[in-house]
C-alpha cells in the first residue's frame, strides 16, 4: 500500500481531456457496432485488426522499432509503421518512447504504466493523466534518437491519425457507417484493450519461467489475443529477442511472420532467443567454475 501511495504522489495530476473524449467516442462507436452486425463487417474488422495490431504494433512498433530484434529495408519498416498507425495508439515515436521507458524503469514511479498504481492505472488509467502517450520532444530525443533522426518517421509520428481518416472514407464508400463502426470503432477499441492487457494482466496473473526483476508473467490467453505478445516474462527477460514464444505450446504468431520475412530476405540480423542458449550458458558457467 505504501508503494502505491508513493507512486500516486509522484505522478503528475494533469488530465488528458482530449484523450478521455477520444476514448469515450470510440467506445460509443464500438457499442454501436453490435447493432449493425454483418459477416462482411466482421471480416473487414478482423483483417484490419491483424494489419494494425499484429503487423503494425506487434511486429513493427514493438519488436522492430522498440527493441531492434531484427532489421528490414527502410521501405518495409515504413509499411510496418503505417500499419501500426491504424491501431490509433499514437505515432510510432511516441509509442516506442513510452515502451522504452517501461523497460528502463519497469515497476517504478518512472514506468508509464507501472502496476504500482493499481490494475486500472496499468491497464488504461495511465493514458488519462500526466504525459499519457504524449511524449515531449525532450523525451523522444532522449529515448528514441534513432527514430528522431528519420524525417519520414517524424512525419508519420505527427500525422499518424491520417491513415485512419483515409481508411474511414474508403470504408464508408464500401459499407457505410456500419462498416466504420466495425472496422474502426470496435476494432480499435478491441485492439486498445488487448494491448493494455499486456501492461496490466501480464504483470498480475500468469506463470513465470524466468526470475526476472519484475512481476512479468507469461499468459496464454493474452498471447492469443495479441498474436504472441502475452509471453511477457520471456520478453522482459530477453527483451531484444524477436521471438517471444519459446516452446511449441507458446504460439507466437508475430514471430511466425518475422520468420517468414526472414525466409523472404526481408528481415535480417534476426535475434531469436532459444531455451537451449540459456542451457549452454549455464553449462559454460559450470565448467568455468
C-alpha atoms as a PDB file:
ATOM      1  CA  UNK A   1       0.000   0.000   0.000  1.00  0.00           C
ATOM      2  CA  UNK A   2       2.843   2.386   0.830  1.00  0.00           C
ATOM      3  CA  UNK A   3       4.349   1.847  -2.624  1.00  0.00           C
ATOM      4  CA  UNK A   4       1.014   2.707  -4.248  1.00  0.00           C
ATOM      5  CA  UNK A   5       0.698   5.908  -2.196  1.00  0.00           C
ATOM      6  CA  UNK A   6       4.225   6.983  -3.063  1.00  0.00           C
ATOM      7  CA  UNK A   7       3.572   6.180  -6.706  1.00  0.00           C
ATOM      8  CA  UNK A   8       0.377   8.240  -6.856  1.00  0.00           C
ATOM      9  CA  UNK A   9       2.046  11.183  -5.144  1.00  0.00           C
ATOM     10  CA  UNK A  10       4.895  11.128  -7.654  1.00  0.00           C
ATOM     11  CA  UNK A  11       2.668  11.158 -10.729  1.00  0.00           C
ATOM     12  CA  UNK A  12       1.526  14.370 -12.397  1.00  0.00           C
ATOM     13  CA  UNK A  13      -2.172  15.115 -11.988  1.00  0.00           C
ATOM     14  CA  UNK A  14      -2.535  16.768 -15.393  1.00  0.00           C
ATOM     15  CA  UNK A  15      -5.663  15.368 -17.027  1.00  0.00           C
ATOM     16  CA  UNK A  16      -5.532  14.461 -20.727  1.00  0.00           C
ATOM     17  CA  UNK A  17      -9.043  15.609 -21.616  1.00  0.00           C
ATOM     18  CA  UNK A  18      -8.654  15.131 -25.378  1.00  0.00           C
ATOM     19  CA  UNK A  19      -7.656  11.502 -24.746  1.00  0.00           C
ATOM     20  CA  UNK A  20     -10.634  10.934 -22.461  1.00  0.00           C
ATOM     21  CA  UNK A  21     -13.019  12.408 -25.038  1.00  0.00           C
ATOM     22  CA  UNK A  22     -11.498  10.393 -27.891  1.00  0.00           C
ATOM     23  CA  UNK A  23     -11.570   7.115 -25.962  1.00  0.00           C
ATOM     24  CA  UNK A  24     -15.202   7.744 -24.972  1.00  0.00           C
ATOM     25  CA  UNK A  25     -16.255   8.380 -28.583  1.00  0.00           C
ATOM     26  CA  UNK A  26     -14.547   5.230 -29.813  1.00  0.00           C
ATOM     27  CA  UNK A  27     -16.166   3.123 -27.111  1.00  0.00           C
ATOM     28  CA  UNK A  28     -19.555   4.519 -28.167  1.00  0.00           C
ATOM     29  CA  UNK A  29     -18.765   3.500 -31.764  1.00  0.00           C
ATOM     30  CA  UNK A  30     -17.814   0.038 -30.523  1.00  0.00           C
ATOM     31  CA  UNK A  31     -21.178  -0.343 -28.790  1.00  0.00           C
ATOM     32  CA  UNK A  32     -22.979   0.849 -31.932  1.00  0.00           C
ATOM     33  CA  UNK A  33     -21.215  -1.864 -33.931  1.00  0.00           C
ATOM     34  CA  UNK A  34     -23.149  -4.597 -32.122  1.00  0.00           C
ATOM     35  CA  UNK A  35     -26.379  -3.207 -33.578  1.00  0.00           C
ATOM     36  CA  UNK A  36     -25.063  -3.313 -37.155  1.00  0.00           C
ATOM     37  CA  UNK A  37     -23.611  -6.803 -37.491  1.00  0.00           C
ATOM     38  CA  UNK A  38     -22.858  -8.373 -40.851  1.00  0.00           C
ATOM     39  CA  UNK A  39     -20.332 -11.008 -41.852  1.00  0.00           C
ATOM     40  CA  UNK A  40     -18.776  -8.518 -44.252  1.00  0.00           C
ATOM     41  CA  UNK A  41     -18.249  -6.008 -41.442  1.00  0.00           C
ATOM     42  CA  UNK A  42     -16.738  -8.681 -39.213  1.00  0.00           C
ATOM     43  CA  UNK A  43     -14.354  -9.880 -41.937  1.00  0.00           C
ATOM     44  CA  UNK A  44     -13.095  -6.368 -42.677  1.00  0.00           C
ATOM     45  CA  UNK A  45     -12.662  -5.673 -38.945  1.00  0.00           C
ATOM     46  CA  UNK A  46     -10.608  -8.861 -38.454  1.00  0.00           C
ATOM     47  CA  UNK A  47      -8.434  -8.021 -41.471  1.00  0.00           C
ATOM     48  CA  UNK A  48      -7.550  -4.576 -40.164  1.00  0.00           C
ATOM     49  CA  UNK A  49      -7.147  -5.893 -36.597  1.00  0.00           C
ATOM     50  CA  UNK A  50      -4.408  -8.177 -37.909  1.00  0.00           C
ATOM     51  CA  UNK A  51      -2.797  -5.433 -40.016  1.00  0.00           C
ATOM     52  CA  UNK A  52      -2.884  -2.858 -37.215  1.00  0.00           C
ATOM     53  CA  UNK A  53      -2.167  -4.866 -34.085  1.00  0.00           C
ATOM     54  CA  UNK A  54      -0.050  -7.725 -35.373  1.00  0.00           C
ATOM     55  CA  UNK A  55       1.801  -6.427 -38.430  1.00  0.00           C
ATOM     56  CA  UNK A  56       1.825  -2.836 -37.220  1.00  0.00           C
ATOM     57  CA  UNK A  57       2.100  -2.748 -33.429  1.00  0.00           C
ATOM     58  CA  UNK A  58       3.429  -6.196 -32.522  1.00  0.00           C
ATOM     59  CA  UNK A  59       5.959  -6.630 -35.323  1.00  0.00           C
ATOM     60  CA  UNK A  60       6.566  -3.021 -36.339  1.00  0.00           C
ATOM     61  CA  UNK A  61       6.259  -0.758 -33.308  1.00  0.00           C
ATOM     62  CA  UNK A  62       7.371  -3.342 -30.754  1.00  0.00           C
ATOM     63  CA  UNK A  63       9.793  -5.969 -31.996  1.00  0.00           C
ATOM     64  CA  UNK A  64      11.392  -3.939 -34.802  1.00  0.00           C
ATOM     65  CA  UNK A  65      11.329  -0.273 -33.788  1.00  0.00           C
ATOM     66  CA  UNK A  66      11.437  -0.520 -29.982  1.00  0.00           C
ATOM     67  CA  UNK A  67      13.798  -3.438 -29.461  1.00  0.00           C
ATOM     68  CA  UNK A  68      15.524  -3.741 -32.846  1.00  0.00           C
ATOM     69  CA  UNK A  69      15.197  -7.522 -32.719  1.00  0.00           C
ATOM     70  CA  UNK A  70      15.744  -7.623 -36.473  1.00  0.00           C
ATOM     71  CA  UNK A  71      16.451  -5.343 -39.403  1.00  0.00           C
ATOM     72  CA  UNK A  72      14.458  -4.619 -42.550  1.00  0.00           C
ATOM     73  CA  UNK A  73      14.855  -2.427 -45.614  1.00  0.00           C
ATOM     74  CA  UNK A  74      13.516   1.070 -44.956  1.00  0.00           C
ATOM     75  CA  UNK A  75      10.525   0.582 -47.216  1.00  0.00           C
ATOM     76  CA  UNK A  76       9.457  -2.465 -45.189  1.00  0.00           C
ATOM     77  CA  UNK A  77       9.960  -0.531 -41.940  1.00  0.00           C
ATOM     78  CA  UNK A  78       7.741   2.270 -43.244  1.00  0.00           C
ATOM     79  CA  UNK A  79       4.985  -0.144 -44.319  1.00  0.00           C
ATOM     80  CA  UNK A  80       5.022  -1.784 -40.872  1.00  0.00           C
ATOM     81  CA  UNK A  81       4.885   1.665 -39.267  1.00  0.00           C
ATOM     82  CA  UNK A  82       1.939   2.731 -41.446  1.00  0.00           C
ATOM     83  CA  UNK A  83       0.077  -0.414 -40.396  1.00  0.00           C
ATOM     84  CA  UNK A  84       0.805   0.471 -36.770  1.00  0.00           C
ATOM     85  CA  UNK A  85      -0.748   3.919 -37.139  1.00  0.00           C
ATOM     86  CA  UNK A  86      -4.074   2.209 -37.893  1.00  0.00           C
ATOM     87  CA  UNK A  87      -4.172   0.966 -34.276  1.00  0.00           C
ATOM     88  CA  UNK A  88      -4.509   4.604 -33.116  1.00  0.00           C
ATOM     89  CA  UNK A  89      -2.105   4.046 -30.217  1.00  0.00           C
ATOM     90  CA  UNK A  90      -0.265   7.274 -31.100  1.00  0.00           C
ATOM     91  CA  UNK A  91       2.569   7.647 -33.572  1.00  0.00           C
ATOM     92  CA  UNK A  92       5.462   5.207 -33.646  1.00  0.00           C
ATOM     93  CA  UNK A  93       7.985   7.533 -31.999  1.00  0.00           C
ATOM     94  CA  UNK A  94       5.619   8.297 -29.112  1.00  0.00           C
ATOM     95  CA  UNK A  95       4.792   4.599 -28.722  1.00  0.00           C
ATOM     96  CA  UNK A  96       8.421   3.477 -28.823  1.00  0.00           C
ATOM     97  CA  UNK A  97       9.481   6.185 -26.364  1.00  0.00           C
ATOM     98  CA  UNK A  98       6.785   5.076 -23.923  1.00  0.00           C
ATOM     99  CA  UNK A  99       7.745   1.428 -24.229  1.00  0.00           C
ATOM    100  CA  UNK A 100      11.462   2.041 -23.870  1.00  0.00           C
ATOM    101  CA  UNK A 101      10.688   3.973 -20.672  1.00  0.00           C
ATOM    102  CA  UNK A 102       8.660   0.984 -19.464  1.00  0.00           C
ATOM    103  CA  UNK A 103      11.632  -1.318 -19.899  1.00  0.00           C
ATOM    104  CA  UNK A 104      14.118   1.171 -18.461  1.00  0.00           C
ATOM    105  CA  UNK A 105      12.054   1.833 -15.308  1.00  0.00           C
ATOM    106  CA  UNK A 106       9.821  -1.244 -15.009  1.00  0.00           C
ATOM    107  CA  UNK A 107       7.532  -1.107 -11.961  1.00  0.00           C
ATOM    108  CA  UNK A 108       8.912   2.150 -10.569  1.00  0.00           C
ATOM    109  CA  UNK A 109       7.335   5.592 -10.416  1.00  0.00           C
ATOM    110  CA  UNK A 110       9.010   6.379 -13.769  1.00  0.00           C
ATOM    111  CA  UNK A 111       7.302   3.467 -15.510  1.00  0.00           C
ATOM    112  CA  UNK A 112       4.473   4.998 -17.625  1.00  0.00           C
ATOM    113  CA  UNK A 113       2.064   2.164 -16.779  1.00  0.00           C
ATOM    114  CA  UNK A 114       3.517   0.698 -13.606  1.00  0.00           C
ATOM    115  CA  UNK A 115       1.287  -1.804 -11.767  1.00  0.00           C
ATOM    116  CA  UNK A 116       2.298   0.047  -8.566  1.00  0.00           C
ATOM    117  CA  UNK A 117      -0.548   2.405  -9.415  1.00  0.00           C
ATOM    118  CA  UNK A 118      -3.059  -0.434  -9.405  1.00  0.00           C
ATOM    119  CA  UNK A 119      -4.590  -2.621 -12.105  1.00  0.00           C
ATOM    120  CA  UNK A 120      -6.744   0.155 -13.606  1.00  0.00           C
ATOM    121  CA  UNK A 121      -3.784   2.524 -13.877  1.00  0.00           C
ATOM    122  CA  UNK A 122      -1.599  -0.133 -15.537  1.00  0.00           C
ATOM    123  CA  UNK A 123      -4.419  -1.008 -17.943  1.00  0.00           C
ATOM    124  CA  UNK A 124      -5.747   2.353 -19.148  1.00  0.00           C
ATOM    125  CA  UNK A 125      -5.674   4.946 -16.371  1.00  0.00           C
ATOM    126  CA  UNK A 126      -2.120   5.923 -17.310  1.00  0.00           C
ATOM    127  CA  UNK A 127      -3.196   7.430 -20.646  1.00  0.00           C
ATOM    128  CA  UNK A 128      -5.601   9.853 -18.949  1.00  0.00           C
ATOM    129  CA  UNK A 129      -3.181  11.620 -16.582  1.00  0.00           C
ATOM    130  CA  UNK A 130       0.310  13.046 -16.741  1.00  0.00           C
ATOM    131  CA  UNK A 131       2.171  12.512 -20.021  1.00  0.00           C
ATOM    132  CA  UNK A 132      -0.004   9.625 -21.098  1.00  0.00           C
ATOM    133  CA  UNK A 133       1.071   8.598 -24.569  1.00  0.00           C
ATOM    134  CA  UNK A 134       2.016  12.190 -25.460  1.00  0.00           C
ATOM    135  CA  UNK A 135       5.762  12.239 -25.071  1.00  0.00           C
ATOM    136  CA  UNK A 136       7.688  15.502 -25.029  1.00  0.00           C
ATOM    137  CA  UNK A 137      10.267  16.404 -27.654  1.00  0.00           C
ATOM    138  CA  UNK A 138      12.950  16.073 -24.975  1.00  0.00           C
ATOM    139  CA  UNK A 139      11.817  12.556 -24.037  1.00  0.00           C
ATOM    140  CA  UNK A 140      11.716  11.431 -27.649  1.00  0.00           C
ATOM    141  CA  UNK A 141      15.186  12.822 -28.292  1.00  0.00           C
ATOM    142  CA  UNK A 142      16.496  11.053 -25.192  1.00  0.00           C
ATOM    143  CA  UNK A 143      14.860   7.635 -25.562  1.00  0.00           C
ATOM    144  CA  UNK A 144      14.300   7.405 -29.326  1.00  0.00           C
ATOM    145  CA  UNK A 145      17.169   9.281 -31.010  1.00  0.00           C
ATOM    146  CA  UNK A 146      17.411   6.626 -33.740  1.00  0.00           C
ATOM    147  CA  UNK A 147      13.892   7.391 -34.954  1.00  0.00           C
ATOM    148  CA  UNK A 148      14.050  11.142 -34.370  1.00  0.00           C
ATOM    149  CA  UNK A 149      16.824  11.323 -36.985  1.00  0.00           C
ATOM    150  CA  UNK A 150      14.459   9.881 -39.604  1.00  0.00           C
ATOM    151  CA  UNK A 151      12.293  12.620 -41.240  1.00  0.00           C
ATOM    152  CA  UNK A 152       9.830  10.051 -42.596  1.00  0.00           C
ATOM    153  CA  UNK A 153       9.260   8.572 -39.146  1.00  0.00           C
ATOM    154  CA  UNK A 154       8.876  12.057 -37.677  1.00  0.00           C
ATOM    155  CA  UNK A 155       6.272  12.911 -40.317  1.00  0.00           C
ATOM    156  CA  UNK A 156       4.306   9.697 -39.734  1.00  0.00           C
ATOM    157  CA  UNK A 157       4.504  10.212 -35.975  1.00  0.00           C
ATOM    158  CA  UNK A 158       2.953  13.677 -36.260  1.00  0.00           C
ATOM    159  CA  UNK A 159       0.215  12.689 -38.691  1.00  0.00           C
ATOM    160  CA  UNK A 160      -0.429   9.108 -37.561  1.00  0.00           C
ATOM    161  CA  UNK A 161      -4.198   9.726 -37.487  1.00  0.00           C
ATOM    162  CA  UNK A 162      -4.417  10.477 -41.214  1.00  0.00           C
ATOM    163  CA  UNK A 163      -4.337   6.786 -42.191  1.00  0.00           C
ATOM    164  CA  UNK A 164      -7.473   6.126 -40.140  1.00  0.00           C
ATOM    165  CA  UNK A 165      -9.254   9.111 -41.693  1.00  0.00           C
ATOM    166  CA  UNK A 166      -8.450   7.840 -45.193  1.00  0.00           C
ATOM    167  CA  UNK A 167      -9.484   4.326 -44.197  1.00  0.00           C
ATOM    168  CA  UNK A 168     -12.743   5.677 -42.800  1.00  0.00           C
ATOM    169  CA  UNK A 169     -13.543   7.399 -46.103  1.00  0.00           C
ATOM    170  CA  UNK A 170     -12.929   4.169 -48.000  1.00  0.00           C
ATOM    171  CA  UNK A 171     -14.956   2.065 -45.575  1.00  0.00           C
ATOM    172  CA  UNK A 172     -17.879   4.491 -45.742  1.00  0.00           C
ATOM    173  CA  UNK A 173     -17.873   4.300 -49.537  1.00  0.00           C
ATOM    174  CA  UNK A 174     -17.976   0.497 -49.380  1.00  0.00           C
ATOM    175  CA  UNK A 175     -20.205  -0.248 -46.392  1.00  0.00           C
ATOM    176  CA  UNK A 176     -21.481   2.969 -44.851  1.00  0.00           C
ATOM    177  CA  UNK A 177     -21.353   3.851 -41.163  1.00  0.00           C
ATOM    178  CA  UNK A 178     -21.865   0.250 -40.055  1.00  0.00           C
ATOM    179  CA  UNK A 179     -18.529  -0.758 -41.581  1.00  0.00           C
ATOM    180  CA  UNK A 180     -16.835   2.213 -39.897  1.00  0.00           C
ATOM    181  CA  UNK A 181     -18.309   1.135 -36.560  1.00  0.00           C
ATOM    182  CA  UNK A 182     -16.843  -2.351 -37.006  1.00  0.00           C
ATOM    183  CA  UNK A 183     -13.555  -1.852 -38.863  1.00  0.00           C
ATOM    184  CA  UNK A 184     -12.550   1.289 -36.984  1.00  0.00           C
ATOM    185  CA  UNK A 185     -14.650   1.726 -33.828  1.00  0.00           C
ATOM    186  CA  UNK A 186     -14.910  -1.814 -32.443  1.00  0.00           C
ATOM    187  CA  UNK A 187     -11.633  -2.954 -33.971  1.00  0.00           C
ATOM    188  CA  UNK A 188      -9.632  -0.076 -32.466  1.00  0.00           C
ATOM    189  CA  UNK A 189     -11.216  -0.450 -29.024  1.00  0.00           C
ATOM    190  CA  UNK A 190     -10.596  -4.203 -29.013  1.00  0.00           C
ATOM    191  CA  UNK A 191      -7.000  -3.567 -30.068  1.00  0.00           C
ATOM    192  CA  UNK A 192      -6.535  -0.977 -27.324  1.00  0.00           C
ATOM    193  CA  UNK A 193      -7.732  -3.262 -24.567  1.00  0.00           C
ATOM    194  CA  UNK A 194      -5.799  -6.310 -25.719  1.00  0.00           C
ATOM    195  CA  UNK A 195      -2.620  -4.212 -25.889  1.00  0.00           C
ATOM    196  CA  UNK A 196      -3.338  -2.754 -22.445  1.00  0.00           C
ATOM    197  CA  UNK A 197      -3.887  -6.290 -21.105  1.00  0.00           C
ATOM    198  CA  UNK A 198      -0.178  -6.857 -21.694  1.00  0.00           C
ATOM    199  CA  UNK A 199       0.557  -3.863 -19.442  1.00  0.00           C
ATOM    200  CA  UNK A 200      -1.878  -4.879 -16.711  1.00  0.00           C
ATOM    201  CA  UNK A 201      -2.809  -8.570 -16.771  1.00  0.00           C
ATOM    202  CA  UNK A 202       0.630  -9.982 -17.637  1.00  0.00           C
ATOM    203  CA  UNK A 203       2.133  -8.050 -14.737  1.00  0.00           C
ATOM    204  CA  UNK A 204      -0.507  -9.543 -12.428  1.00  0.00           C
ATOM    205  CA  UNK A 205      -1.578 -13.059 -13.473  1.00  0.00           C
ATOM    206  CA  UNK A 206       0.266 -15.842 -15.244  1.00  0.00           C
ATOM    207  CA  UNK A 207       3.269 -18.132 -14.936  1.00  0.00           C
ATOM    208  CA  UNK A 208       6.942 -17.245 -14.627  1.00  0.00           C
ATOM    209  CA  UNK A 209       9.624 -19.206 -16.442  1.00  0.00           C
ATOM    210  CA  UNK A 210      12.396 -16.759 -15.510  1.00  0.00           C
ATOM    211  CA  UNK A 211      13.070 -14.976 -12.227  1.00  0.00           C
ATOM    212  CA  UNK A 212      13.120 -11.527 -13.782  1.00  0.00           C
ATOM    213  CA  UNK A 213      13.482  -8.404 -11.654  1.00  0.00           C
ATOM    214  CA  UNK A 214       9.801  -7.529 -12.118  1.00  0.00           C
ATOM    215  CA  UNK A 215       6.421  -9.261 -11.838  1.00  0.00           C
ATOM    216  CA  UNK A 216       6.052 -10.012 -15.570  1.00  0.00           C
ATOM    217  CA  UNK A 217       4.315 -13.288 -16.390  1.00  0.00           C
ATOM    218  CA  UNK A 218       3.504 -15.493 -19.364  1.00  0.00           C
ATOM    219  CA  UNK A 219      -0.229 -15.536 -20.045  1.00  0.00           C
ATOM    220  CA  UNK A 220      -1.552 -17.790 -22.796  1.00  0.00           C
ATOM    221  CA  UNK A 221      -4.930 -16.055 -23.114  1.00  0.00           C
ATOM    222  CA  UNK A 222      -3.328 -12.637 -23.575  1.00  0.00           C
ATOM    223  CA  UNK A 223      -0.845 -14.155 -26.028  1.00  0.00           C
ATOM    224  CA  UNK A 224      -3.763 -15.481 -28.079  1.00  0.00           C
ATOM    225  CA  UNK A 225      -5.399 -12.046 -28.114  1.00  0.00           C
ATOM    226  CA  UNK A 226      -2.195 -10.232 -29.074  1.00  0.00           C
ATOM    227  CA  UNK A 227      -0.582 -12.548 -31.633  1.00  0.00           C
ATOM    228  CA  UNK A 228       2.064 -13.655 -29.124  1.00  0.00           C
ATOM    229  CA  UNK A 229       2.755 -10.535 -27.058  1.00  0.00           C
ATOM    230  CA  UNK A 230       1.432 -12.212 -23.901  1.00  0.00           C
ATOM    231  CA  UNK A 231       4.590 -14.288 -23.359  1.00  0.00           C
ATOM    232  CA  UNK A 232       5.680 -11.300 -21.327  1.00  0.00           C
ATOM    233  CA  UNK A 233       8.011 -12.903 -18.785  1.00  0.00           C
ATOM    234  CA  UNK A 234      10.017 -14.327 -21.672  1.00  0.00           C
ATOM    235  CA  UNK A 235      10.067 -10.883 -23.262  1.00  0.00           C
ATOM    236  CA  UNK A 236      11.122  -8.980 -20.154  1.00  0.00           C
ATOM    237  CA  UNK A 237      13.953 -11.424 -19.565  1.00  0.00           C
ATOM    238  CA  UNK A 238      15.223 -11.241 -23.160  1.00  0.00           C
ATOM    239  CA  UNK A 239      13.665  -8.003 -24.486  1.00  0.00           C
ATOM    240  CA  UNK A 240      15.631  -7.822 -27.750  1.00  0.00           C
ATOM    241  CA  UNK A 241      14.531 -11.274 -28.859  1.00  0.00           C
ATOM    242  CA  UNK A 242      12.174 -11.138 -31.827  1.00  0.00           C
ATOM    243  CA  UNK A 243      10.814 -14.495 -30.653  1.00  0.00           C
ATOM    244  CA  UNK A 244       8.645 -14.398 -27.510  1.00  0.00           C
ATOM    245  CA  UNK A 245       7.107 -17.869 -27.531  1.00  0.00           C
ATOM    246  CA  UNK A 246       9.888 -20.270 -26.574  1.00  0.00           C
ATOM    247  CA  UNK A 247       8.160 -23.669 -26.801  1.00  0.00           C
ATOM    248  CA  UNK A 248       5.749 -25.300 -29.244  1.00  0.00           C
ATOM    249  CA  UNK A 249       2.899 -24.602 -26.828  1.00  0.00           C
ATOM    250  CA  UNK A 250       3.751 -20.914 -26.661  1.00  0.00           C
ATOM    251  CA  UNK A 251       2.229 -19.944 -30.003  1.00  0.00           C
ATOM    252  CA  UNK A 252       3.724 -16.704 -31.265  1.00  0.00           C
ATOM    253  CA  UNK A 253       2.045 -15.547 -34.476  1.00  0.00           C
ATOM    254  CA  UNK A 254       4.152 -12.388 -34.665  1.00  0.00           C
ATOM    255  CA  UNK A 255       7.333 -14.475 -34.598  1.00  0.00           C
ATOM    256  CA  UNK A 256       5.978 -16.726 -37.367  1.00  0.00           C
ATOM    257  CA  UNK A 257       5.547 -13.669 -39.574  1.00  0.00           C
ATOM    258  CA  UNK A 258       9.039 -12.343 -38.754  1.00  0.00           C
ATOM    259  CA  UNK A 259      10.427 -15.811 -39.572  1.00  0.00           C
ATOM    260  CA  UNK A 260       8.591 -15.638 -42.916  1.00  0.00           C
ATOM    261  CA  UNK A 261      10.062 -12.208 -43.635  1.00  0.00           C
ATOM    262  CA  UNK A 262      13.492 -13.647 -42.855  1.00  0.00           C
ATOM    263  CA  UNK A 263      12.979 -16.519 -45.304  1.00  0.00           C
ATOM    264  CA  UNK A 264      11.912 -13.996 -47.955  1.00  0.00           C
ATOM    265  CA  UNK A 265      15.061 -11.967 -47.362  1.00  0.00           C
ATOM    266  CA  UNK A 266      13.099  -9.019 -45.937  1.00  0.00           C
ATOM    267  CA  UNK A 267      14.314  -9.454 -42.333  1.00  0.00           C
ATOM    268  CA  UNK A 268      17.989  -9.774 -41.455  1.00  0.00           C
ATOM    269  CA  UNK A 269      20.120  -9.868 -38.286  1.00  0.00           C
ATOM    270  CA  UNK A 270      17.211 -11.565 -36.522  1.00  0.00           C
ATOM    271  CA  UNK A 271      17.868 -12.284 -32.852  1.00  0.00           C
ATOM    272  CA  UNK A 272      15.705 -15.136 -31.590  1.00  0.00           C
ATOM    273  CA  UNK A 273      16.488 -16.411 -28.094  1.00  0.00           C
ATOM    274  CA  UNK A 274      16.197 -20.163 -27.565  1.00  0.00           C
ATOM    275  CA  UNK A 275      15.978 -22.061 -24.300  1.00  0.00           C
ATOM    276  CA  UNK A 276      18.974 -24.093 -25.459  1.00  0.00           C
ATOM    277  CA  UNK A 277      21.009 -20.884 -25.449  1.00  0.00           C
ATOM    278  CA  UNK A 278      20.438 -20.405 -21.727  1.00  0.00           C
ATOM    279  CA  UNK A 279      21.269 -24.049 -21.031  1.00  0.00           C
ATOM    280  CA  UNK A 280      24.530 -23.664 -22.934  1.00  0.00           C
ATOM    281  CA  UNK A 281      25.349 -20.544 -20.909  1.00  0.00           C
ATOM    282  CA  UNK A 282      24.699 -22.393 -17.631  1.00  0.00           C
ATOM    283  CA  UNK A 283      26.882 -25.285 -18.704  1.00  0.00           C
ATOM    284  CA  UNK A 284      29.685 -22.880 -19.679  1.00  0.00           C
ATOM    285  CA  UNK A 285      29.481 -21.193 -16.256  1.00  0.00           C
ATOM    286  CA  UNK A 286      29.590 -24.578 -14.529  1.00  0.00           C
ATOM    287  CA  UNK A 287      32.672 -25.619 -16.489  1.00  0.00           C
ATOM    288  CA  UNK A 288      34.367 -22.311 -15.741  1.00  0.00           C
ATOM    289  CA  UNK A 289      33.648 -22.712 -12.023  1.00  0.00           C
END
